C-alpha atoms as a PDB file:
ATOM      1  CA  MET A   1     -46.724 -74.812 -70.185  1.00  0.00           C
ATOM      2  CA  GLN A   2     -46.324 -78.593 -70.492  1.00  0.00           C
ATOM      3  CA  ARG A   3     -49.562 -79.296 -69.550  1.00  0.00           C
ATOM      4  CA  VAL A   4     -51.209 -76.514 -71.724  1.00  0.00           C
ATOM      5  CA  GLU A   5     -49.600 -78.400 -74.533  1.00  0.00           C
ATOM      6  CA  ALA A   6     -50.437 -81.639 -73.197  1.00  0.00           C
ATOM      7  CA  GLU A   7     -54.056 -79.792 -73.476  1.00  0.00           C
ATOM      8  CA  LEU A   8     -53.825 -78.973 -76.753  1.00  0.00           C
ATOM      9  CA  ALA A   9     -52.790 -82.421 -77.811  1.00  0.00           C
ATOM     10  CA  ARG A  10     -55.607 -83.959 -76.138  1.00  0.00           C
ATOM     11  CA  LEU A  11     -58.590 -81.793 -77.326  1.00  0.00           C
ATOM     12  CA  ILE A  12     -56.863 -81.933 -81.325  1.00  0.00           C
ATOM     13  CA  ASP A  13     -56.882 -85.788 -80.511  1.00  0.00           C
ATOM     14  CA  ASP A  14     -60.349 -85.477 -79.133  1.00  0.00           C
ATOM     15  CA  VAL A  15     -61.635 -84.648 -82.974  1.00  0.00           C
ATOM     16  CA  ASP A  16     -60.283 -87.655 -83.854  1.00  0.00           C
ATOM     17  CA  TYR A  17     -59.486 -86.555 -87.539  1.00  0.00           C
ATOM     18  CA  ASP A  18     -55.854 -87.135 -88.885  1.00  0.00           C
ATOM     19  CA  GLU A  19     -56.401 -84.323 -91.137  1.00  0.00           C
ATOM     20  CA  VAL A  20     -56.961 -82.072 -88.266  1.00  0.00           C
ATOM     21  CA  THR A  21     -53.929 -83.468 -86.587  1.00  0.00           C
ATOM     22  CA  ARG A  22     -51.538 -82.866 -89.216  1.00  0.00           C
ATOM     23  CA  LEU A  23     -52.652 -79.266 -89.932  1.00  0.00           C
ATOM     24  CA  PHE A  24     -52.666 -78.399 -86.600  1.00  0.00           C
ATOM     25  CA  ASN A  25     -49.282 -79.916 -85.967  1.00  0.00           C
ATOM     26  CA  LYS A  26     -48.185 -77.462 -88.581  1.00  0.00           C
ATOM     27  CA  LEU A  27     -49.041 -74.626 -86.838  1.00  0.00           C
ATOM     28  CA  SER A  28     -46.405 -72.679 -85.045  1.00  0.00           C
ATOM     29  CA  GLY A  29     -47.399 -72.004 -81.190  1.00  0.00           C
ATOM     30  CA  GLY A  30     -46.188 -68.441 -81.125  1.00  0.00           C
ATOM     31  CA  LYS A  31     -45.702 -66.754 -77.974  1.00  0.00           C
ATOM     32  CA  ARG A  32     -48.701 -68.208 -75.949  1.00  0.00           C
ATOM     33  CA  LEU A  33     -48.982 -65.084 -74.390  1.00  0.00           C
ATOM     34  CA  ARG A  34     -52.594 -65.512 -73.337  1.00  0.00           C
ATOM     35  CA  ALA A  35     -51.972 -69.231 -71.967  1.00  0.00           C
ATOM     36  CA  LYS A  36     -48.876 -67.597 -69.897  1.00  0.00           C
ATOM     37  CA  LEU A  37     -51.073 -65.042 -68.381  1.00  0.00           C
ATOM     38  CA  ILE A  38     -53.654 -67.538 -67.286  1.00  0.00           C
ATOM     39  CA  LEU A  39     -51.198 -69.811 -65.633  1.00  0.00           C
ATOM     40  CA  LYS A  40     -49.314 -66.932 -63.993  1.00  0.00           C
ATOM     41  CA  ILE A  41     -52.713 -65.346 -62.715  1.00  0.00           C
ATOM     42  CA  ALA A  42     -54.343 -68.766 -61.582  1.00  0.00           C
ATOM     43  CA  ASN A  43     -51.509 -70.623 -60.758  1.00  0.00           C
ATOM     44  CA  ASN A  44     -52.197 -73.993 -58.458  1.00  0.00           C
ATOM     45  CA  ILE A  45     -55.687 -74.132 -60.012  1.00  0.00           C
ATOM     46  CA  GLU A  46     -56.225 -77.144 -61.428  1.00  0.00           C
ATOM     47  CA  ASN A  47     -58.129 -76.488 -64.687  1.00  0.00           C
ATOM     48  CA  ALA A  48     -56.336 -73.337 -65.127  1.00  0.00           C
ATOM     49  CA  PRO A  49     -54.279 -75.203 -68.237  1.00  0.00           C
ATOM     50  CA  LEU A  50     -57.138 -76.456 -69.906  1.00  0.00           C
ATOM     51  CA  LEU A  51     -58.613 -72.988 -69.934  1.00  0.00           C
ATOM     52  CA  ALA A  52     -55.185 -72.024 -71.105  1.00  0.00           C
ATOM     53  CA  ALA A  53     -55.649 -74.525 -74.060  1.00  0.00           C
ATOM     54  CA  ILE A  54     -59.147 -73.518 -74.792  1.00  0.00           C
ATOM     55  CA  VAL A  55     -58.017 -69.878 -75.162  1.00  0.00           C
ATOM     56  CA  GLU A  56     -54.764 -70.777 -77.449  1.00  0.00           C
ATOM     57  CA  LEU A  57     -57.424 -72.734 -79.718  1.00  0.00           C
ATOM     58  CA  ILE A  58     -59.691 -69.688 -80.100  1.00  0.00           C
ATOM     59  CA  HIS A  59     -56.244 -67.586 -80.760  1.00  0.00           C
ATOM     60  CA  ALA A  60     -55.073 -70.029 -83.332  1.00  0.00           C
ATOM     61  CA  ALA A  61     -58.544 -69.957 -85.161  1.00  0.00           C
ATOM     62  CA  SER A  62     -58.446 -66.399 -85.356  1.00  0.00           C
ATOM     63  CA  LEU A  63     -55.043 -66.282 -86.872  1.00  0.00           C
ATOM     64  CA  LEU A  64     -56.231 -68.935 -89.370  1.00  0.00           C
ATOM     65  CA  HIS A  65     -59.323 -66.747 -90.449  1.00  0.00           C
ATOM     66  CA  ASP A  66     -56.960 -63.586 -90.425  1.00  0.00           C
ATOM     67  CA  ASP A  67     -54.534 -65.625 -92.969  1.00  0.00           C
ATOM     68  CA  VAL A  68     -57.189 -65.784 -95.602  1.00  0.00           C
ATOM     69  CA  ILE A  69     -58.482 -63.017 -95.466  1.00  0.00           C
ATOM     70  CA  ASP A  70     -55.022 -61.131 -95.827  1.00  0.00           C
ATOM     71  CA  GLU A  71     -54.206 -63.828 -98.305  1.00  0.00           C
ATOM     72  CA  ALA A  72     -50.980 -64.108 -96.181  1.00  0.00           C
ATOM     73  CA  ASP A  73     -48.679 -66.797 -97.354  1.00  0.00           C
ATOM     74  CA  THR A  74     -46.833 -66.978 -93.896  1.00  0.00           C
ATOM     75  CA  ARG A  75     -47.426 -66.788 -90.570  1.00  0.00           C
ATOM     76  CA  ARG A  76     -44.351 -66.459 -87.776  1.00  0.00           C
ATOM     77  CA  GLY A  77     -42.045 -67.400 -90.958  1.00  0.00           C
ATOM     78  CA  VAL A  78     -43.575 -70.452 -91.852  1.00  0.00           C
ATOM     79  CA  PRO A  79     -45.982 -71.064 -94.656  1.00  0.00           C
ATOM     80  CA  SER A  80     -49.410 -70.462 -93.932  1.00  0.00           C
ATOM     81  CA  VAL A  81     -52.337 -73.336 -94.014  1.00  0.00           C
ATOM     82  CA  ASN A  82     -54.032 -71.226 -96.556  1.00  0.00           C
ATOM     83  CA  ALA A  83     -51.178 -71.168 -98.684  1.00  0.00           C
ATOM     84  CA  THR A  84     -50.168 -74.828 -98.792  1.00  0.00           C
ATOM     85  CA  ASP A  85     -53.640 -76.563 -98.177  1.00  0.00           C
ATOM     86  CA  GLY A  86     -56.188 -74.002 -99.605  1.00  0.00           C
ATOM     87  CA  SER A  87     -58.272 -71.303 -98.187  1.00  0.00           C
ATOM     88  CA  LYS A  88     -61.415 -73.425 -97.666  1.00  0.00           C
ATOM     89  CA  THR A  89     -59.267 -75.947 -95.743  1.00  0.00           C
ATOM     90  CA  ALA A  90     -58.027 -73.178 -93.573  1.00  0.00           C
ATOM     91  CA  VAL A  91     -61.249 -71.899 -92.738  1.00  0.00           C
ATOM     92  CA  MET A  92     -62.656 -75.176 -91.781  1.00  0.00           C
ATOM     93  CA  LEU A  93     -59.840 -75.707 -89.680  1.00  0.00           C
ATOM     94  CA  GLY A  94     -60.392 -72.390 -88.041  1.00  0.00           C
ATOM     95  CA  ASP A  95     -64.447 -73.568 -87.395  1.00  0.00           C
ATOM     96  CA  ILE A  96     -63.198 -77.039 -85.932  1.00  0.00           C
ATOM     97  CA  LEU A  97     -60.860 -74.931 -83.165  1.00  0.00           C
ATOM     98  CA  TYR A  98     -63.095 -72.889 -82.133  1.00  0.00           C
ATOM     99  CA  SER A  99     -66.272 -75.280 -82.040  1.00  0.00           C
ATOM    100  CA  LYS A 100     -64.069 -77.310 -79.955  1.00  0.00           C
ATOM    101  CA  ALA A 101     -62.952 -75.210 -77.775  1.00  0.00           C
ATOM    102  CA  PHE A 102     -66.696 -73.592 -77.015  1.00  0.00           C
ATOM    103  CA  THR A 103     -67.427 -77.623 -76.709  1.00  0.00           C
ATOM    104  CA  GLU A 104     -64.635 -77.460 -73.653  1.00  0.00           C
ATOM    105  CA  LEU A 105     -65.715 -74.334 -72.224  1.00  0.00           C
ATOM    106  CA  VAL A 106     -69.005 -75.117 -71.423  1.00  0.00           C
ATOM    107  CA  ALA A 107     -67.552 -76.905 -68.220  1.00  0.00           C
ATOM    108  CA  PHE A 108     -66.653 -73.956 -66.763  1.00  0.00           C
ATOM    109  CA  ASP A 109     -68.161 -71.792 -64.500  1.00  0.00           C
ATOM    110  CA  LYS A 110     -71.020 -69.945 -66.150  1.00  0.00           C
ATOM    111  CA  GLU A 111     -68.722 -66.391 -65.816  1.00  0.00           C
ATOM    112  CA  VAL A 112     -65.726 -67.751 -66.876  1.00  0.00           C
ATOM    113  CA  ALA A 113     -67.211 -69.154 -69.878  1.00  0.00           C
ATOM    114  CA  GLN A 114     -69.251 -66.241 -70.601  1.00  0.00           C
ATOM    115  CA  THR A 115     -66.104 -63.981 -70.622  1.00  0.00           C
ATOM    116  CA  ILE A 116     -64.324 -65.921 -73.189  1.00  0.00           C
ATOM    117  CA  ALA A 117     -67.105 -66.600 -75.186  1.00  0.00           C
ATOM    118  CA  ALA A 118     -67.983 -62.891 -75.185  1.00  0.00           C
ATOM    119  CA  SER A 119     -64.581 -62.139 -76.316  1.00  0.00           C
ATOM    120  CA  VAL A 120     -64.637 -64.134 -79.262  1.00  0.00           C
ATOM    121  CA  THR A 121     -67.676 -62.303 -80.578  1.00  0.00           C
ATOM    122  CA  ALA A 122     -66.099 -58.966 -79.807  1.00  0.00           C
ATOM    123  CA  LEU A 123     -63.238 -60.565 -81.862  1.00  0.00           C
ATOM    124  CA  SER A 124     -64.845 -61.282 -84.864  1.00  0.00           C
ATOM    125  CA  LYS A 125     -66.188 -57.655 -85.034  1.00  0.00           C
ATOM    126  CA  GLY A 126     -62.775 -56.516 -84.898  1.00  0.00           C
ATOM    127  CA  GLU A 127     -61.864 -58.716 -87.541  1.00  0.00           C
ATOM    128  CA  MET A 128     -64.622 -57.326 -89.794  1.00  0.00           C
ATOM    129  CA  MET A 129     -64.038 -53.702 -88.886  1.00  0.00           C
ATOM    130  CA  ASP A 130     -60.357 -53.958 -89.728  1.00  0.00           C
ATOM    131  CA  VAL A 131     -61.544 -55.259 -93.269  1.00  0.00           C
ATOM    132  CA  LYS A 132     -63.794 -52.371 -93.723  1.00  0.00           C
ATOM    133  CA  MET A 133     -61.475 -49.944 -92.658  1.00  0.00           C
ATOM    134  CA  ALA A 134     -58.955 -51.256 -95.094  1.00  0.00           C
ATOM    135  CA  GLU A 135     -60.957 -49.944 -98.103  1.00  0.00           C
ATOM    136  CA  GLU A 136     -60.226 -46.185 -97.434  1.00  0.00           C
ATOM    137  CA  PHE A 137     -57.902 -44.302 -95.582  1.00  0.00           C
ATOM    138  CA  ASN A 138     -58.956 -43.747 -91.744  1.00  0.00           C
ATOM    139  CA  SER A 139     -57.559 -40.907 -89.724  1.00  0.00           C
ATOM    140  CA  ASP A 140     -59.795 -41.003 -86.961  1.00  0.00           C
ATOM    141  CA  GLU A 141     -57.460 -42.549 -84.001  1.00  0.00           C
ATOM    142  CA  ALA A 142     -60.641 -43.257 -81.806  1.00  0.00           C
ATOM    143  CA  VAL A 143     -62.372 -45.374 -84.507  1.00  0.00           C
ATOM    144  CA  TYR A 144     -58.806 -47.421 -85.278  1.00  0.00           C
ATOM    145  CA  LEU A 145     -58.280 -47.831 -81.126  1.00  0.00           C
ATOM    146  CA  ASP A 146     -61.963 -49.249 -80.793  1.00  0.00           C
ATOM    147  CA  MET A 147     -60.936 -51.863 -83.883  1.00  0.00           C
ATOM    148  CA  LEU A 148     -57.623 -52.542 -82.291  1.00  0.00           C
ATOM    149  CA  TYR A 149     -59.417 -53.163 -78.905  1.00  0.00           C
ATOM    150  CA  LEU A 150     -62.021 -55.791 -80.429  1.00  0.00           C
ATOM    151  CA  LYS A 151     -59.420 -57.650 -82.922  1.00  0.00           C
ATOM    152  CA  THR A 152     -56.471 -57.764 -80.547  1.00  0.00           C
ATOM    153  CA  ALA A 153     -57.179 -56.820 -76.971  1.00  0.00           C
ATOM    154  CA  THR A 154     -60.299 -58.294 -75.906  1.00  0.00           C
ATOM    155  CA  LEU A 155     -59.009 -61.963 -75.927  1.00  0.00           C
ATOM    156  CA  ILE A 156     -55.877 -61.180 -73.603  1.00  0.00           C
ATOM    157  CA  GLU A 157     -58.243 -58.914 -71.549  1.00  0.00           C
ATOM    158  CA  ALA A 158     -60.699 -62.035 -71.476  1.00  0.00           C
ATOM    159  CA  ALA A 159     -57.925 -64.498 -70.447  1.00  0.00           C
ATOM    160  CA  ALA A 160     -56.981 -62.312 -67.668  1.00  0.00           C
ATOM    161  CA  LYS A 161     -60.142 -61.619 -66.106  1.00  0.00           C
ATOM    162  CA  ALA A 162     -61.326 -65.642 -66.536  1.00  0.00           C
ATOM    163  CA  ALA A 163     -58.342 -66.655 -64.870  1.00  0.00           C
ATOM    164  CA  ALA A 164     -58.786 -63.722 -62.127  1.00  0.00           C
ATOM    165  CA  LEU A 165     -62.404 -65.405 -61.562  1.00  0.00           C
ATOM    166  CA  LEU A 166     -61.239 -68.539 -61.609  1.00  0.00           C
ATOM    167  CA  SER A 167     -58.669 -67.887 -58.818  1.00  0.00           C
ATOM    168  CA  GLY A 168     -61.061 -65.697 -56.766  1.00  0.00           C
ATOM    169  CA  LYS A 169     -58.629 -62.157 -57.589  1.00  0.00           C
ATOM    170  CA  ASP A 170     -59.662 -58.874 -58.637  1.00  0.00           C
ATOM    171  CA  ALA A 171     -61.434 -59.595 -62.110  1.00  0.00           C
ATOM    172  CA  GLU A 172     -61.595 -56.073 -62.957  1.00  0.00           C
ATOM    173  CA  SER A 173     -58.312 -55.154 -62.252  1.00  0.00           C
ATOM    174  CA  HIS A 174     -56.574 -58.081 -64.473  1.00  0.00           C
ATOM    175  CA  ALA A 175     -59.034 -57.224 -67.019  1.00  0.00           C
ATOM    176  CA  LEU A 176     -57.766 -53.931 -67.330  1.00  0.00           C
ATOM    177  CA  TYR A 177     -53.973 -55.127 -67.388  1.00  0.00           C
ATOM    178  CA  GLY A 178     -55.121 -57.427 -70.093  1.00  0.00           C
ATOM    179  CA  ARG A 179     -57.096 -54.602 -72.130  1.00  0.00           C
ATOM    180  CA  ASN A 180     -53.692 -52.373 -72.080  1.00  0.00           C
ATOM    181  CA  LEU A 181     -51.272 -55.197 -72.597  1.00  0.00           C
ATOM    182  CA  GLY A 182     -53.121 -55.989 -75.690  1.00  0.00           C
ATOM    183  CA  LEU A 183     -53.622 -52.496 -76.884  1.00  0.00           C
ATOM    184  CA  SER A 184     -50.065 -51.313 -75.887  1.00  0.00           C
ATOM    185  CA  PHE A 185     -48.608 -54.772 -77.765  1.00  0.00           C
ATOM    186  CA  GLN A 186     -50.158 -54.245 -80.610  1.00  0.00           C
ATOM    187  CA  ILE A 187     -49.135 -50.561 -81.192  1.00  0.00           C
ATOM    188  CA  ILE A 188     -45.748 -51.586 -80.433  1.00  0.00           C
ATOM    189  CA  ASP A 189     -46.086 -54.181 -83.506  1.00  0.00           C
ATOM    190  CA  ASP A 190     -47.460 -51.236 -85.416  1.00  0.00           C
ATOM    191  CA  ILE A 191     -44.697 -49.437 -84.774  1.00  0.00           C
ATOM    192  CA  LEU A 192     -41.920 -52.553 -85.499  1.00  0.00           C
ATOM    193  CA  ASP A 193     -43.981 -53.000 -88.993  1.00  0.00           C
ATOM    194  CA  ILE A 194     -42.177 -49.427 -90.007  1.00  0.00           C
ATOM    195  CA  THR A 195     -38.826 -49.164 -88.046  1.00  0.00           C
ATOM    196  CA  ALA A 196     -37.798 -53.008 -88.295  1.00  0.00           C
ATOM    197  CA  ASP A 197     -35.895 -54.477 -91.364  1.00  0.00           C
ATOM    198  CA  GLU A 198     -37.558 -57.271 -93.174  1.00  0.00           C
ATOM    199  CA  ALA A 199     -35.334 -60.092 -91.568  1.00  0.00           C
ATOM    200  CA  THR A 200     -36.632 -59.043 -88.706  1.00  0.00           C
ATOM    201  CA  LEU A 201     -40.275 -59.013 -89.195  1.00  0.00           C
ATOM    202  CA  GLY A 202     -40.514 -61.931 -91.864  1.00  0.00           C
ATOM    203  CA  LYS A 203     -42.441 -59.706 -94.273  1.00  0.00           C
ATOM    204  CA  PRO A 204     -41.296 -56.387 -95.900  1.00  0.00           C
ATOM    205  CA  ALA A 205     -41.323 -53.348 -93.956  1.00  0.00           C
ATOM    206  CA  MET A 206     -44.174 -50.961 -93.817  1.00  0.00           C
ATOM    207  CA  ASN A 207     -46.238 -53.458 -95.106  1.00  0.00           C
ATOM    208  CA  ASP A 208     -49.191 -52.837 -92.987  1.00  0.00           C
ATOM    209  CA  PHE A 209     -49.976 -49.591 -95.080  1.00  0.00           C
ATOM    210  CA  VAL A 210     -49.681 -51.753 -98.110  1.00  0.00           C
ATOM    211  CA  GLU A 211     -52.414 -53.910 -96.944  1.00  0.00           C
ATOM    212  CA  GLY A 212     -54.577 -50.503 -96.164  1.00  0.00           C
ATOM    213  CA  LYS A 213     -54.058 -50.610 -92.458  1.00  0.00           C
ATOM    214  CA  CYS A 214     -53.538 -46.994 -91.292  1.00  0.00           C
ATOM    215  CA  THR A 215     -51.845 -47.785 -87.861  1.00  0.00           C
ATOM    216  CA  LEU A 216     -51.560 -44.992 -85.327  1.00  0.00           C
ATOM    217  CA  PRO A 217     -48.071 -43.468 -86.639  1.00  0.00           C
ATOM    218  CA  TYR A 218     -49.879 -42.992 -90.015  1.00  0.00           C
ATOM    219  CA  ILE A 219     -52.966 -41.142 -88.207  1.00  0.00           C
ATOM    220  CA  TYR A 220     -50.684 -38.971 -86.325  1.00  0.00           C
ATOM    221  CA  LEU A 221     -48.443 -38.277 -89.406  1.00  0.00           C
ATOM    222  CA  TYR A 222     -51.925 -37.303 -91.323  1.00  0.00           C
ATOM    223  CA  GLU A 223     -52.983 -34.939 -88.731  1.00  0.00           C
ATOM    224  CA  ALA A 224     -49.461 -33.324 -88.857  1.00  0.00           C
ATOM    225  CA  LEU A 225     -48.874 -32.720 -92.584  1.00  0.00           C
ATOM    226  CA  ASP A 226     -50.362 -29.667 -95.018  1.00  0.00           C
ATOM    227  CA  ALA A 227     -53.042 -30.396 -97.526  1.00  0.00           C
ATOM    228  CA  ASP A 228     -50.673 -31.053-100.296  1.00  0.00           C
ATOM    229  CA  GLU A 229     -49.034 -33.500 -98.192  1.00  0.00           C
ATOM    230  CA  LYS A 230     -52.293 -35.229 -96.666  1.00  0.00           C
ATOM    231  CA  GLU A 231     -53.169 -36.043-100.622  1.00  0.00           C
ATOM    232  CA  ARG A 232     -50.012 -37.406-101.379  1.00  0.00           C
ATOM    233  CA  LEU A 233     -50.149 -39.676 -97.929  1.00  0.00           C
ATOM    234  CA  LYS A 234     -53.493 -40.835 -99.072  1.00  0.00           C
ATOM    235  CA  ALA A 235     -52.297 -41.563-102.678  1.00  0.00           C
ATOM    236  CA  ALA A 236     -50.095 -44.135-100.996  1.00  0.00           C
ATOM    237  CA  HIS A 237     -52.336 -45.853 -99.127  1.00  0.00           C
ATOM    238  CA  GLY A 238     -53.223 -49.497 -99.828  1.00  0.00           C
ATOM    239  CA  LYS A 239     -50.513 -49.731-102.614  1.00  0.00           C
ATOM    240  CA  LYS A 240     -46.883 -50.671-103.528  1.00  0.00           C
ATOM    241  CA  VAL A 241     -44.625 -47.679-103.483  1.00  0.00           C
ATOM    242  CA  ASP A 242     -41.487 -47.156-104.616  1.00  0.00           C
ATOM    243  CA  SER A 243     -38.769 -47.099-102.008  1.00  0.00           C
ATOM    244  CA  ALA A 244     -38.410 -43.057-102.748  1.00  0.00           C
ATOM    245  CA  GLU A 245     -42.019 -43.054-101.257  1.00  0.00           C
ATOM    246  CA  ASN A 246     -41.491 -45.146 -98.581  1.00  0.00           C
ATOM    247  CA  ALA A 247     -38.481 -42.552 -97.575  1.00  0.00           C
ATOM    248  CA  TRP A 248     -40.581 -39.888 -98.241  1.00  0.00           C
ATOM    249  CA  ILE A 249     -43.161 -41.208 -95.500  1.00  0.00           C
ATOM    250  CA  LYS A 250     -40.483 -42.491 -92.986  1.00  0.00           C
ATOM    251  CA  ALA A 251     -38.624 -38.758 -93.251  1.00  0.00           C
ATOM    252  CA  LYS A 252     -42.159 -36.963 -92.518  1.00  0.00           C
ATOM    253  CA  MET A 253     -42.626 -39.447 -89.426  1.00  0.00           C
ATOM    254  CA  ASP A 254     -38.954 -38.610 -88.206  1.00  0.00           C
ATOM    255  CA  GLU A 255     -39.936 -34.682 -88.741  1.00  0.00           C
ATOM    256  CA  HIS A 256     -43.187 -34.757 -86.981  1.00  0.00           C
ATOM    257  CA  LYS A 257     -42.284 -37.917 -84.308  1.00  0.00           C
ATOM    258  CA  THR A 258     -45.119 -39.899 -84.723  1.00  0.00           C
ATOM    259  CA  ILE A 259     -43.176 -43.118 -83.901  1.00  0.00           C
ATOM    260  CA  GLU A 260     -42.553 -41.511 -80.428  1.00  0.00           C
ATOM    261  CA  ARG A 261     -46.007 -40.315 -80.072  1.00  0.00           C
ATOM    262  CA  SER A 262     -47.154 -43.492 -80.769  1.00  0.00           C
ATOM    263  CA  PHE A 263     -44.701 -45.065 -78.408  1.00  0.00           C
ATOM    264  CA  GLY A 264     -46.057 -42.486 -75.825  1.00  0.00           C
ATOM    265  CA  LEU A 265     -49.381 -43.799 -76.001  1.00  0.00           C
ATOM    266  CA  ALA A 266     -48.058 -47.335 -75.649  1.00  0.00           C
ATOM    267  CA  LYS A 267     -46.039 -46.369 -72.720  1.00  0.00           C
ATOM    268  CA  LYS A 268     -48.984 -44.451 -71.237  1.00  0.00           C
ATOM    269  CA  LEU A 269     -51.099 -47.925 -71.157  1.00  0.00           C
ATOM    270  CA  SER A 270     -48.624 -49.972 -70.184  1.00  0.00           C
ATOM    271  CA  ASP A 271     -48.037 -47.740 -66.777  1.00  0.00           C
ATOM    272  CA  GLU A 272     -51.396 -48.142 -66.419  1.00  0.00           C
ATOM    273  CA  ALA A 273     -51.351 -51.854 -66.439  1.00  0.00           C
ATOM    274  CA  GLN A 274     -48.570 -51.943 -64.485  1.00  0.00           C
ATOM    275  CA  ASN A 275     -50.162 -49.976 -61.866  1.00  0.00           C
ATOM    276  CA  ALA A 276     -53.158 -51.808 -61.674  1.00  0.00           C
ATOM    277  CA  MET A 277     -50.745 -54.957 -61.192  1.00  0.00           C
ATOM    278  CA  ARG A 278     -48.197 -53.172 -59.263  1.00  0.00           C
ATOM    279  CA  GLU A 279     -47.829 -56.249 -56.770  1.00  0.00           C
ATOM    280  CA  ASP A 280     -47.501 -58.805 -58.938  1.00  0.00           C
ATOM    281  CA  ALA A 281     -43.764 -58.702 -60.071  1.00  0.00           C
ATOM    282  CA  GLU A 282     -44.313 -61.408 -62.918  1.00  0.00           C
ATOM    283  CA  LEU A 283     -47.313 -59.473 -64.497  1.00  0.00           C
ATOM    284  CA  VAL A 284     -45.025 -56.435 -64.429  1.00  0.00           C
ATOM    285  CA  GLY A 285     -41.898 -57.827 -66.073  1.00  0.00           C
ATOM    286  CA  ILE A 286     -44.437 -58.937 -69.145  1.00  0.00           C
ATOM    287  CA  LEU A 287     -45.255 -55.529 -69.704  1.00  0.00           C
ATOM    288  CA  ASP A 288     -41.347 -54.280 -69.498  1.00  0.00           C
ATOM    289  CA  THR A 289     -40.601 -57.009 -71.700  1.00  0.00           C
ATOM    290  CA  MET A 290     -43.025 -56.111 -74.433  1.00  0.00           C
ATOM    291  CA  ILE A 291     -42.309 -52.468 -74.427  1.00  0.00           C
ATOM    292  CA  GLN A 292     -38.725 -52.931 -74.968  1.00  0.00           C
ATOM    293  CA  ARG A 293     -39.198 -54.726 -78.306  1.00  0.00           C
ATOM    294  CA  SER A 294     -39.655 -51.503 -80.132  1.00  0.00           C
ATOM    295  CA  TYR A 295     -36.239 -50.260 -79.318  1.00  0.00           C
END
């Protein structure tokens, strides 16, 4: 990871603009999940750290744009760039990170480069779908999972597949692993938005629903409610409701076990990914750690 951080610093220095360096240094690095996957899969491959840095630039750019879209004041517990320096600056910084990533990506083998590039198109499409879906209550699980795949899982899938291509390993089994890891990771995040407290989340609990996001526990809840209760749930969508209404939603989720059902899907996806990587203890361990976050 030290080489990845060094490559990131070099790429930002190459931009040759102090303002970009200042702003990038303010960003929290996060878990670097995509970079770690690339390093684990393509271990001992000379240019794997550069590929990892490119993917992290892409991920950082997508988060900058996300924060502008969501009007988020914080990111990973620190003030967001759009909060401190304005939305225009955040969008332009994201554009610079995207373009620098693509400038470096063209040096890689064509199939590796195409894998990452295609995922960025899918990611952007997923972000647009997420915004459109927040405009009204969505009760369609398939539509939600399709958006989730595009917005969250596709770059993780591409990172795993590209690393496998780079190292001569089976690309499709690694792609399946990355896809399912990304989907199950986000489903666990959806669950934590409801079950964790504000101190743990760094934002108010049940904030996804306030922002208009109908995540799996809400979709499963809607399926289980009677007609009047369905209307009550839809009336709370996209609004800040009082504690009594939140308590009602949580009580109904407990009654109908929608958290458990959501976790069951995350576990199923994780098990499929573990089976694809059953001979790689480190990659299996990442899934185990991720699943354990929910309880």
